[in-house]
Protein backbone atom coordinates (compact mmCIF):
# COMPACT_ATOMS: atom_id res chain seq x y z
CA UNK A 1 2.31 18.42 -37.88
CA UNK A 2 -1.27 19.20 -35.93
CA UNK A 3 -0.85 22.29 -33.66
CA UNK A 4 -1.94 20.38 -30.62
CA UNK A 5 0.89 18.07 -31.25
CA UNK A 6 3.43 19.39 -29.01
CA UNK A 7 0.96 20.25 -26.16
CA UNK A 8 0.18 16.60 -26.36
CA UNK A 9 3.61 15.46 -25.89
CA UNK A 10 4.30 17.84 -23.38
CA UNK A 11 1.73 16.52 -21.46
CA UNK A 12 2.71 12.91 -21.99
CA UNK A 13 6.31 13.82 -21.06
CA UNK A 14 4.60 15.63 -17.78
CA UNK A 15 4.35 12.08 -16.09
CA UNK A 16 8.10 12.14 -15.60
CA UNK A 17 7.38 14.79 -12.77
CA UNK A 18 6.08 12.04 -10.47
CA UNK A 19 9.43 9.85 -10.60
CA UNK A 20 10.62 12.20 -7.85
CA UNK A 21 7.74 11.36 -5.92
CA UNK A 22 8.51 7.64 -6.03
CA UNK A 23 12.40 8.15 -4.98
CA UNK A 24 11.43 9.97 -2.22
CA UNK A 25 9.34 6.76 -1.19
CA UNK A 26 12.53 5.03 -1.45
CA UNK A 27 14.10 7.12 0.58
CA UNK A 28 11.32 6.78 3.19
CA UNK A 29 11.94 3.03 3.02
CA UNK A 30 15.64 3.47 3.97
CA UNK A 31 14.09 5.92 6.90
CA UNK A 32 11.89 3.09 8.18
CA UNK A 33 14.85 0.60 7.75
CA UNK A 34 16.86 2.56 10.30
CA UNK A 35 13.84 2.81 12.63
CA UNK A 36 13.25 -1.13 12.22
CA UNK A 37 16.93 -1.85 13.74
CA UNK A 38 16.30 0.79 16.75
CA UNK A 39 13.61 -1.27 17.58
CA UNK A 40 15.19 -4.48 16.59
CA UNK A 41 18.42 -3.61 18.46
CA UNK A 42 16.15 -2.28 21.50
CA UNK A 43 14.65 -5.30 21.94
CA UNK A 44 17.73 -7.69 21.61
CA UNK A 45 19.12 -5.30 24.31
CA UNK A 46 16.40 -5.53 26.52
CA UNK A 47 15.74 -9.43 25.84
CA UNK A 48 16.64 -10.28 29.72
CA UNK A 49 14.97 -7.13 31.47
CA UNK A 50 11.96 -6.21 29.24
CA UNK A 51 8.31 -7.26 30.44
CA UNK A 52 6.40 -9.65 27.95
CA UNK A 53 4.59 -6.69 27.28
CA UNK A 54 7.22 -4.81 26.16
CA UNK A 55 8.90 -7.35 24.00
CA UNK A 56 5.61 -7.97 22.35
CA UNK A 57 5.10 -4.07 21.81
CA UNK A 58 8.41 -4.10 20.55
CA UNK A 59 7.58 -7.20 17.98
CA UNK A 60 4.31 -5.57 16.87
CA UNK A 61 6.23 -2.37 16.16
CA UNK A 62 8.93 -4.52 13.57
CA UNK A 63 5.80 -5.92 12.17
CA UNK A 64 4.19 -2.64 11.68
CA UNK A 65 7.37 -1.31 10.27
CA UNK A 66 7.52 -4.38 7.67
CA UNK A 67 4.21 -3.75 6.68
CA UNK A 68 4.51 -0.02 5.85
CA UNK A 69 7.64 -0.69 4.06
CA UNK A 70 6.10 -3.53 1.90
CA UNK A 71 3.16 -1.11 1.42
CA UNK A 72 5.67 1.45 0.18
CA UNK A 73 7.17 -0.82 -2.26
CA UNK A 74 4.24 -2.12 -3.75
CA UNK A 75 3.10 1.72 -4.25
CA UNK A 76 6.55 2.22 -5.44
CA UNK A 77 6.80 -0.35 -8.12
CA UNK A 78 2.96 -0.23 -9.34
CA UNK A 79 3.04 3.60 -9.06
CA UNK A 80 5.63 4.08 -11.26
CA UNK A 81 4.66 1.43 -13.82
CA UNK A 82 0.93 2.35 -14.05
CA UNK A 83 1.83 6.28 -14.05
CA UNK A 84 5.67 6.76 -15.57
CA UNK A 85 7.48 3.92 -17.20
CA UNK A 86 7.79 0.37 -17.55
CA UNK A 87 10.59 -0.80 -15.46
CA UNK A 88 12.83 -2.64 -17.89
CA UNK A 89 14.12 -5.08 -15.87
CA UNK A 90 12.78 -8.20 -18.57
CA UNK A 91 12.23 -11.37 -17.15
CA UNK A 92 14.64 -11.10 -13.58
CA UNK A 93 14.07 -14.41 -11.50
CA UNK A 94 13.66 -11.97 -8.75
CA UNK A 95 10.75 -10.02 -10.44
CA UNK A 96 7.91 -10.35 -8.15
CA UNK A 97 4.83 -12.15 -9.94
CA UNK A 98 2.25 -9.06 -9.07
CA UNK A 99 4.63 -6.60 -10.89
CA UNK A 100 3.41 -5.09 -13.49
CA UNK A 101 -0.05 -6.33 -13.05
CA UNK A 102 -1.32 -4.28 -10.06
CA UNK A 103 -3.58 -1.79 -11.92
CA UNK A 104 -4.78 1.47 -9.98
CA UNK A 105 -7.78 0.18 -8.64
CA UNK A 106 -5.77 -3.09 -7.18
CA UNK A 107 -3.34 -0.41 -5.69
CA UNK A 108 -6.17 1.17 -3.89
CA UNK A 109 -7.17 -2.08 -2.45
CA UNK A 110 -3.91 -3.11 -1.47
CA UNK A 111 -3.24 0.29 0.10
CA UNK A 112 -6.59 0.14 2.25
CA UNK A 113 -6.02 -3.46 2.96
CA UNK A 114 -2.10 -2.64 4.55
CA UNK A 115 -3.58 0.58 6.50
CA UNK A 116 -6.32 -1.89 8.06
CA UNK A 117 -3.30 -4.04 8.87
CA UNK A 118 -1.38 -1.42 10.37
CA UNK A 119 -4.06 -0.40 12.02
CA UNK A 120 -5.11 -3.29 13.65
CA UNK A 121 -1.57 -3.82 14.62
CA UNK A 122 -1.71 -0.57 16.30
CA UNK A 123 -5.28 -1.69 18.24
CA UNK A 124 -3.60 -4.54 19.32
CA UNK A 125 -0.64 -2.60 20.92
CA UNK A 126 -3.71 -0.52 22.65
CA UNK A 127 -4.98 -3.28 23.67
CA UNK A 128 -2.29 -4.95 25.56
CA UNK A 129 -1.92 -2.11 27.40
CA UNK A 130 -5.60 -1.18 27.79
CA UNK A 131 -5.41 0.24 31.49
CA UNK A 132 -3.38 3.35 30.22
CA UNK A 133 -6.68 4.49 28.18
CA UNK A 134 -9.85 5.36 29.20
CA UNK A 135 -13.17 3.80 27.86
CA UNK A 136 -13.83 6.83 25.35
CA UNK A 137 -10.27 6.30 24.21
CA UNK A 138 -10.38 3.09 23.13
CA UNK A 139 -13.82 3.43 21.85
CA UNK A 140 -12.36 5.97 19.38
CA UNK A 141 -9.59 3.65 18.66
CA UNK A 142 -11.69 1.14 17.65
CA UNK A 143 -14.11 3.13 15.82
CA UNK A 144 -11.28 4.88 13.53
CA UNK A 145 -9.96 1.10 12.81
CA UNK A 146 -13.49 0.31 12.08
CA UNK A 147 -13.76 2.96 9.73
CA UNK A 148 -10.70 1.75 7.79
CA UNK A 149 -12.13 -1.61 7.69
CA UNK A 150 -15.73 -0.30 6.39
CA UNK A 151 -13.75 1.92 4.01
CA UNK A 152 -11.84 -1.04 2.79
CA UNK A 153 -15.14 -3.19 2.00
CA UNK A 154 -16.67 -0.07 0.40
CA UNK A 155 -13.48 0.51 -2.01
CA UNK A 156 -13.85 -3.61 -2.53
CA UNK A 157 -17.64 -3.64 -3.44
CA UNK A 158 -17.20 -0.25 -5.65
CA UNK A 159 -14.44 -1.85 -7.70
CA UNK A 160 -16.36 -5.07 -7.99
CA UNK A 161 -19.68 -3.00 -8.89
CA UNK A 162 -17.73 -1.14 -11.79
CA UNK A 163 -15.85 -4.67 -13.08
CA UNK A 164 -19.17 -6.47 -13.03
CA UNK A 165 -20.56 -3.40 -15.12
CA UNK A 166 -18.23 -3.49 -17.77
CA UNK A 167 -18.45 -7.35 -18.69
CA UNK A 168 -16.49 -9.36 -21.11
CA UNK A 169 -15.07 -7.04 -23.51
CA UNK A 170 -15.75 -7.74 -27.39
CA UNK A 171 -12.91 -7.34 -30.19
CA UNK A 172 -14.13 -3.94 -32.05
CA UNK A 173 -13.85 -5.48 -35.56
CA UNK A 174 -15.59 -8.68 -34.22
CA UNK A 175 -18.79 -9.19 -36.61
CA UNK A 176 -22.05 -9.76 -34.97
CA UNK A 177 -23.14 -13.27 -35.69
CA UNK A 178 -26.93 -12.58 -34.35
CA UNK A 179 -27.62 -10.45 -37.27
């Protein structure tokens, strides 16, 4: 047995140190669920007394919370499968089609896409009540949102460049017929 064998096995086993992070993200989804229901109950309770602005803002908050929870679920499933272990659920009928197919690059794009969507919802909430903000504050909020958008585009462009640079791969044992 090679001397580095034990070190390599320990390094490989260290991937399990990530598992508690994913369990913590599940707990974060539970917290979001509580916040979601708190907002939903508030929306329902104020259905006759809330202004249109308050109702729309409350609904946007629900959308925002659902987006964030969905993002966390994607992070949990794909992060666990990419870095810790494959989920042994076989061909369960409820298995999402994307599960097991989201690589690190895809995960980055999904993450930035969700951040842009969440930022857009937050920006919409601000614009619905823009009288409470100065032009300077509104400009900063738009600038921050545009930074997320540009970052997302740059991530996508970078990933496309990297993918196109790899080109189609040849099997390593294939003979070259041009020789």
